Amino acid sequence: MRGKKLATRGIRFAAGTLATAGLAYA
């Protein structure tokens, strides 16, 4: 269960980073 939470957090972090990078590029 803990591993699943860490994976979810990792995905959210990556998505947030990509979104931030996309906004900065735009």
PDB file of all heavy atoms in Angstrom:
ATOM      1  N   MET A   1       0.827  -1.208   0.000  1.00  0.00           N
ATOM      2  CA  MET A   1       0.000   0.000   0.000  1.00  0.00           C
ATOM      3  C   MET A   1       0.864   1.262   0.000  1.00  0.00           C
ATOM      4  O   MET A   1       0.605   2.228  -0.694  1.00  0.00           O
ATOM      5  CB  MET A   1      -0.886  -0.014   1.251  1.00  0.00           C
ATOM      6  CG  MET A   1      -2.001   1.012   1.194  1.00  0.00           C
ATOM      7  SD  MET A   1      -3.230   0.579  -0.047  1.00  0.00           S
ATOM      8  CE  MET A   1      -4.410   1.904   0.210  1.00  0.00           C
ATOM      9  N   ARG A   2       1.940   1.183   0.794  1.00  0.00           N
ATOM     10  CA  ARG A   2       2.846   2.327   0.871  1.00  0.00           C
ATOM     11  C   ARG A   2       3.505   2.575  -0.481  1.00  0.00           C
ATOM     12  O   ARG A   2       3.669   3.717  -0.900  1.00  0.00           O
ATOM     13  CB  ARG A   2       3.908   2.078   1.941  1.00  0.00           C
ATOM     14  CG  ARG A   2       4.853   3.258   2.127  1.00  0.00           C
ATOM     15  CD  ARG A   2       5.893   2.948   3.167  1.00  0.00           C
ATOM     16  NE  ARG A   2       6.810   4.050   3.314  1.00  0.00           N
ATOM     17  CZ  ARG A   2       7.893   4.023   4.066  1.00  0.00           C
ATOM     18  NH1 ARG A   2       8.172   2.915   4.776  1.00  0.00           N
ATOM     19  NH2 ARG A   2       8.687   5.064   4.152  1.00  0.00           N
ATOM     20  N   GLY A   3       3.877   1.455  -1.149  1.00  0.00           N
ATOM     21  CA  GLY A   3       4.505   1.596  -2.459  1.00  0.00           C
ATOM     22  C   GLY A   3       3.573   2.254  -3.458  1.00  0.00           C
ATOM     23  O   GLY A   3       3.995   3.058  -4.284  1.00  0.00           O
ATOM     24  N   LYS A   4       2.276   1.921  -3.371  1.00  0.00           N
ATOM     25  CA  LYS A   4       1.298   2.514  -4.283  1.00  0.00           C
ATOM     26  C   LYS A   4       1.173   4.015  -4.034  1.00  0.00           C
ATOM     27  O   LYS A   4       1.070   4.810  -4.979  1.00  0.00           O
ATOM     28  CB  LYS A   4      -0.063   1.835  -4.085  1.00  0.00           C
ATOM     29  CG  LYS A   4      -1.119   2.293  -5.083  1.00  0.00           C
ATOM     30  CD  LYS A   4      -2.401   1.518  -4.884  1.00  0.00           C
ATOM     31  CE  LYS A   4      -3.466   1.981  -5.881  1.00  0.00           C
ATOM     32  NZ  LYS A   4      -4.743   1.220  -5.707  1.00  0.00           N
ATOM     33  N   LYS A   5       1.185   4.423  -2.760  1.00  0.00           N
ATOM     34  CA  LYS A   5       1.103   5.846  -2.432  1.00  0.00           C
ATOM     35  C   LYS A   5       2.321   6.597  -2.949  1.00  0.00           C
ATOM     36  O   LYS A   5       2.214   7.711  -3.480  1.00  0.00           O
ATOM     37  CB  LYS A   5       0.983   6.025  -0.917  1.00  0.00           C
ATOM     38  CG  LYS A   5      -0.367   5.622  -0.348  1.00  0.00           C
ATOM     39  CD  LYS A   5      -0.422   5.911   1.137  1.00  0.00           C
ATOM     40  CE  LYS A   5      -1.800   5.545   1.718  1.00  0.00           C
ATOM     41  NZ  LYS A   5      -1.854   5.822   3.177  1.00  0.00           N
ATOM     42  N   LEU A   6       3.507   5.970  -2.786  1.00  0.00           N
ATOM     43  CA  LEU A   6       4.725   6.617  -3.269  1.00  0.00           C
ATOM     44  C   LEU A   6       4.686   6.770  -4.784  1.00  0.00           C
ATOM     45  O   LEU A   6       5.097   7.803  -5.327  1.00  0.00           O
ATOM     46  CB  LEU A   6       5.950   5.796  -2.849  1.00  0.00           C
ATOM     47  CG  LEU A   6       6.294   5.821  -1.354  1.00  0.00           C
ATOM     48  CD1 LEU A   6       7.433   4.866  -1.071  1.00  0.00           C
ATOM     49  CD2 LEU A   6       6.664   7.246  -0.924  1.00  0.00           C
ATOM     50  N   ALA A   7       4.181   5.737  -5.456  1.00  0.00           N
ATOM     51  CA  ALA A   7       4.077   5.810  -6.909  1.00  0.00           C
ATOM     52  C   ALA A   7       3.114   6.911  -7.339  1.00  0.00           C
ATOM     53  O   ALA A   7       3.377   7.663  -8.283  1.00  0.00           O
ATOM     54  CB  ALA A   7       3.633   4.468  -7.466  1.00  0.00           C
ATOM     55  N   THR A   8       1.994   7.012  -6.622  1.00  0.00           N
ATOM     56  CA  THR A   8       1.013   8.054  -6.946  1.00  0.00           C
ATOM     57  C   THR A   8       1.602   9.437  -6.736  1.00  0.00           C
ATOM     58  O   THR A   8       1.419  10.348  -7.559  1.00  0.00           O
ATOM     59  CB  THR A   8      -0.237   7.891  -6.064  1.00  0.00           C
ATOM     60  OG1 THR A   8      -0.796   6.583  -6.278  1.00  0.00           O
ATOM     61  CG2 THR A   8      -1.271   8.949  -6.391  1.00  0.00           C
ATOM     62  N   ARG A   9       2.334   9.592  -5.639  1.00  0.00           N
ATOM     63  CA  ARG A   9       2.972  10.878  -5.389  1.00  0.00           C
ATOM     64  C   ARG A   9       4.002  11.204  -6.459  1.00  0.00           C
ATOM     65  O   ARG A   9       4.123  12.347  -6.898  1.00  0.00           O
ATOM     66  CB  ARG A   9       3.655  10.858  -4.013  1.00  0.00           C
ATOM     67  CG  ARG A   9       2.680  10.860  -2.837  1.00  0.00           C
ATOM     68  CD  ARG A   9       3.434  10.762  -1.528  1.00  0.00           C
ATOM     69  NE  ARG A   9       2.521  10.687  -0.391  1.00  0.00           N
ATOM     70  CZ  ARG A   9       2.917  10.473   0.861  1.00  0.00           C
ATOM     71  NH1 ARG A   9       4.222  10.301   1.116  1.00  0.00           N
ATOM     72  NH2 ARG A   9       2.036  10.427   1.849  1.00  0.00           N
ATOM     73  N   GLY A  10       4.732  10.170  -6.866  1.00  0.00           N
ATOM     74  CA  GLY A  10       5.726  10.374  -7.912  1.00  0.00           C
ATOM     75  C   GLY A  10       5.094  10.815  -9.214  1.00  0.00           C
ATOM     76  O   GLY A  10       5.603  11.709  -9.895  1.00  0.00           O
ATOM     77  N   ILE A  11       3.979  10.191  -9.561  1.00  0.00           N
ATOM     78  CA  ILE A  11       3.271  10.553 -10.795  1.00  0.00           C
ATOM     79  C   ILE A  11       2.754  11.980 -10.711  1.00  0.00           C
ATOM     80  O   ILE A  11       2.861  12.759 -11.668  1.00  0.00           O
ATOM     81  CB  ILE A  11       2.117   9.567 -11.060  1.00  0.00           C
ATOM     82  CG1 ILE A  11       2.683   8.177 -11.400  1.00  0.00           C
ATOM     83  CG2 ILE A  11       1.233  10.069 -12.192  1.00  0.00           C
ATOM     84  CD1 ILE A  11       1.633   7.100 -11.486  1.00  0.00           C
ATOM     85  N   ARG A  12       2.181  12.325  -9.550  1.00  0.00           N
ATOM     86  CA  ARG A  12       1.670  13.689  -9.374  1.00  0.00           C
ATOM     87  C   ARG A  12       2.796  14.714  -9.441  1.00  0.00           C
ATOM     88  O   ARG A  12       2.648  15.799 -10.033  1.00  0.00           O
ATOM     89  CB  ARG A  12       0.943  13.799  -8.037  1.00  0.00           C
ATOM     90  CG  ARG A  12      -0.396  13.068  -7.997  1.00  0.00           C
ATOM     91  CD  ARG A  12      -1.011  13.148  -6.623  1.00  0.00           C
ATOM     92  NE  ARG A  12      -2.320  12.507  -6.581  1.00  0.00           N
ATOM     93  CZ  ARG A  12      -3.007  12.308  -5.462  1.00  0.00           C
ATOM     94  NH1 ARG A  12      -2.506  12.691  -4.287  1.00  0.00           N
ATOM     95  NH2 ARG A  12      -4.196  11.715  -5.521  1.00  0.00           N
ATOM     96  N   PHE A  13       3.926  14.377  -8.842  1.00  0.00           N
ATOM     97  CA  PHE A  13       5.070  15.295  -8.867  1.00  0.00           C
ATOM     98  C   PHE A  13       5.564  15.492 -10.293  1.00  0.00           C
ATOM     99  O   PHE A  13       5.833  16.618 -10.726  1.00  0.00           O
ATOM    100  CB  PHE A  13       6.201  14.755  -7.991  1.00  0.00           C
ATOM    101  CG  PHE A  13       7.454  15.592  -8.039  1.00  0.00           C
ATOM    102  CD1 PHE A  13       7.539  16.761  -7.304  1.00  0.00           C
ATOM    103  CD2 PHE A  13       8.525  15.208  -8.823  1.00  0.00           C
ATOM    104  CE1 PHE A  13       8.686  17.541  -7.352  1.00  0.00           C
ATOM    105  CE2 PHE A  13       9.680  15.981  -8.879  1.00  0.00           C
ATOM    106  CZ  PHE A  13       9.759  17.152  -8.129  1.00  0.00           C
ATOM    107  N   ALA A  14       5.680  14.376 -11.044  1.00  0.00           N
ATOM    108  CA  ALA A  14       6.132  14.466 -12.430  1.00  0.00           C
ATOM    109  C   ALA A  14       5.159  15.273 -13.275  1.00  0.00           C
ATOM    110  O   ALA A  14       5.564  16.105 -14.093  1.00  0.00           O
ATOM    111  CB  ALA A  14       6.307  13.063 -13.010  1.00  0.00           C
ATOM    112  N   ALA A  15       3.860  15.019 -13.058  1.00  0.00           N
ATOM    113  CA  ALA A  15       2.847  15.766 -13.812  1.00  0.00           C
ATOM    114  C   ALA A  15       2.905  17.257 -13.487  1.00  0.00           C
ATOM    115  O   ALA A  15       2.792  18.108 -14.375  1.00  0.00           O
ATOM    116  CB  ALA A  15       1.461  15.214 -13.508  1.00  0.00           C
ATOM    117  N   GLY A  16       3.095  17.563 -12.194  1.00  0.00           N
ATOM    118  CA  GLY A  16       3.198  18.964 -11.795  1.00  0.00           C
ATOM    119  C   GLY A  16       4.419  19.637 -12.381  1.00  0.00           C
ATOM    120  O   GLY A  16       4.369  20.792 -12.811  1.00  0.00           O
ATOM    121  N   THR A  17       5.535  18.899 -12.398  1.00  0.00           N
ATOM    122  CA  THR A  17       6.775  19.439 -12.968  1.00  0.00           C
ATOM    123  C   THR A  17       6.613  19.714 -14.455  1.00  0.00           C
ATOM    124  O   THR A  17       7.019  20.772 -14.958  1.00  0.00           O
ATOM    125  CB  THR A  17       7.935  18.459 -12.749  1.00  0.00           C
ATOM    126  OG1 THR A  17       8.110  18.235 -11.340  1.00  0.00           O
ATOM    127  CG2 THR A  17       9.227  19.004 -13.340  1.00  0.00           C
ATOM    128  N   LEU A  18       6.005  18.767 -15.167  1.00  0.00           N
ATOM    129  CA  LEU A  18       5.780  18.950 -16.611  1.00  0.00           C
ATOM    130  C   LEU A  18       4.839  20.119 -16.880  1.00  0.00           C
ATOM    131  O   LEU A  18       5.043  20.898 -17.820  1.00  0.00           O
ATOM    132  CB  LEU A  18       5.212  17.664 -17.218  1.00  0.00           C
ATOM    133  CG  LEU A  18       6.184  16.492 -17.348  1.00  0.00           C
ATOM    134  CD1 LEU A  18       5.447  15.242 -17.809  1.00  0.00           C
ATOM    135  CD2 LEU A  18       7.320  16.829 -18.313  1.00  0.00           C
ATOM    136  N   ALA A  19       3.805  20.244 -16.048  1.00  0.00           N
ATOM    137  CA  ALA A  19       2.860  21.347 -16.226  1.00  0.00           C
ATOM    138  C   ALA A  19       3.545  22.688 -15.994  1.00  0.00           C
ATOM    139  O   ALA A  19       3.344  23.646 -16.747  1.00  0.00           O
ATOM    140  CB  ALA A  19       1.679  21.181 -15.278  1.00  0.00           C
ATOM    141  N   THR A  20       4.384  22.748 -14.959  1.00  0.00           N
ATOM    142  CA  THR A  20       5.118  23.982 -14.665  1.00  0.00           C
ATOM    143  C   THR A  20       6.069  24.332 -15.799  1.00  0.00           C
ATOM    144  O   THR A  20       6.177  25.488 -16.224  1.00  0.00           O
ATOM    145  CB  THR A  20       5.897  23.842 -13.351  1.00  0.00           C
ATOM    146  OG1 THR A  20       4.986  23.548 -12.289  1.00  0.00           O
ATOM    147  CG2 THR A  20       6.650  25.117 -13.026  1.00  0.00           C
ATOM    148  N   ALA A  21       6.788  23.303 -16.299  1.00  0.00           N
ATOM    149  CA  ALA A  21       7.709  23.521 -17.413  1.00  0.00           C
ATOM    150  C   ALA A  21       6.963  23.993 -18.656  1.00  0.00           C
ATOM    151  O   ALA A  21       7.426  24.873 -19.381  1.00  0.00           O
ATOM    152  CB  ALA A  21       8.481  22.237 -17.713  1.00  0.00           C
ATOM    153  N   GLY A  22       5.775  23.390 -18.885  1.00  0.00           N
ATOM    154  CA  GLY A  22       4.975  23.789 -20.040  1.00  0.00           C
ATOM    155  C   GLY A  22       4.517  25.229 -19.951  1.00  0.00           C
ATOM    156  O   GLY A  22       4.555  25.973 -20.937  1.00  0.00           O
ATOM    157  N   LEU A  23       4.091  25.636 -18.756  1.00  0.00           N
ATOM    158  CA  LEU A  23       3.661  27.022 -18.560  1.00  0.00           C
ATOM    159  C   LEU A  23       4.830  27.992 -18.724  1.00  0.00           C
ATOM    160  O   LEU A  23       4.677  29.066 -19.315  1.00  0.00           O
ATOM    161  CB  LEU A  23       3.037  27.178 -17.172  1.00  0.00           C
ATOM    162  CG  LEU A  23       1.663  26.526 -16.977  1.00  0.00           C
ATOM    163  CD1 LEU A  23       1.255  26.610 -15.504  1.00  0.00           C
ATOM    164  CD2 LEU A  23       0.607  27.214 -17.850  1.00  0.00           C
ATOM    165  N   ALA A  24       6.001  27.600 -18.197  1.00  0.00           N
ATOM    166  CA  ALA A  24       7.181  28.452 -18.325  1.00  0.00           C
ATOM    167  C   ALA A  24       7.580  28.600 -19.794  1.00  0.00           C
ATOM    168  O   ALA A  24       7.929  29.696 -20.255  1.00  0.00           O
ATOM    169  CB  ALA A  24       8.343  27.873 -17.519  1.00  0.00           C
ATOM    170  N   TYR A  25       7.519  27.491 -20.535  1.00  0.00           N
ATOM    171  CA  TYR A  25       7.856  27.539 -21.959  1.00  0.00           C
ATOM    172  C   TYR A  25       6.867  28.427 -22.714  1.00  0.00           C
ATOM    173  O   TYR A  25       7.258  29.243 -23.560  1.00  0.00           O
ATOM    174  CB  TYR A  25       7.850  26.131 -22.537  1.00  0.00           C
ATOM    175  CG  TYR A  25       8.075  26.076 -24.033  1.00  0.00           C
ATOM    176  CD1 TYR A  25       9.358  26.207 -24.557  1.00  0.00           C
ATOM    177  CD2 TYR A  25       7.009  25.906 -24.908  1.00  0.00           C
ATOM    178  CE1 TYR A  25       9.576  26.171 -25.930  1.00  0.00           C
ATOM    179  CE2 TYR A  25       7.212  25.869 -26.280  1.00  0.00           C
ATOM    180  CZ  TYR A  25       8.494  26.004 -26.776  1.00  0.00           C
ATOM    181  OH  TYR A  25       8.707  25.969 -28.137  1.00  0.00           O
ATOM    182  N   ALA A  26       5.576  28.278 -22.420  1.00  0.00           N
ATOM    183  CA  ALA A  26       4.557  29.092 -23.089  1.00  0.00           C
ATOM    184  C   ALA A  26       4.767  30.578 -22.793  1.00  0.00           C
ATOM    185  O   ALA A  26       4.642  31.420 -23.688  1.00  0.00           O
ATOM    186  CB  ALA A  26       3.163  28.655 -22.640  1.00  0.00           C
TER     187      ALA A  26
END
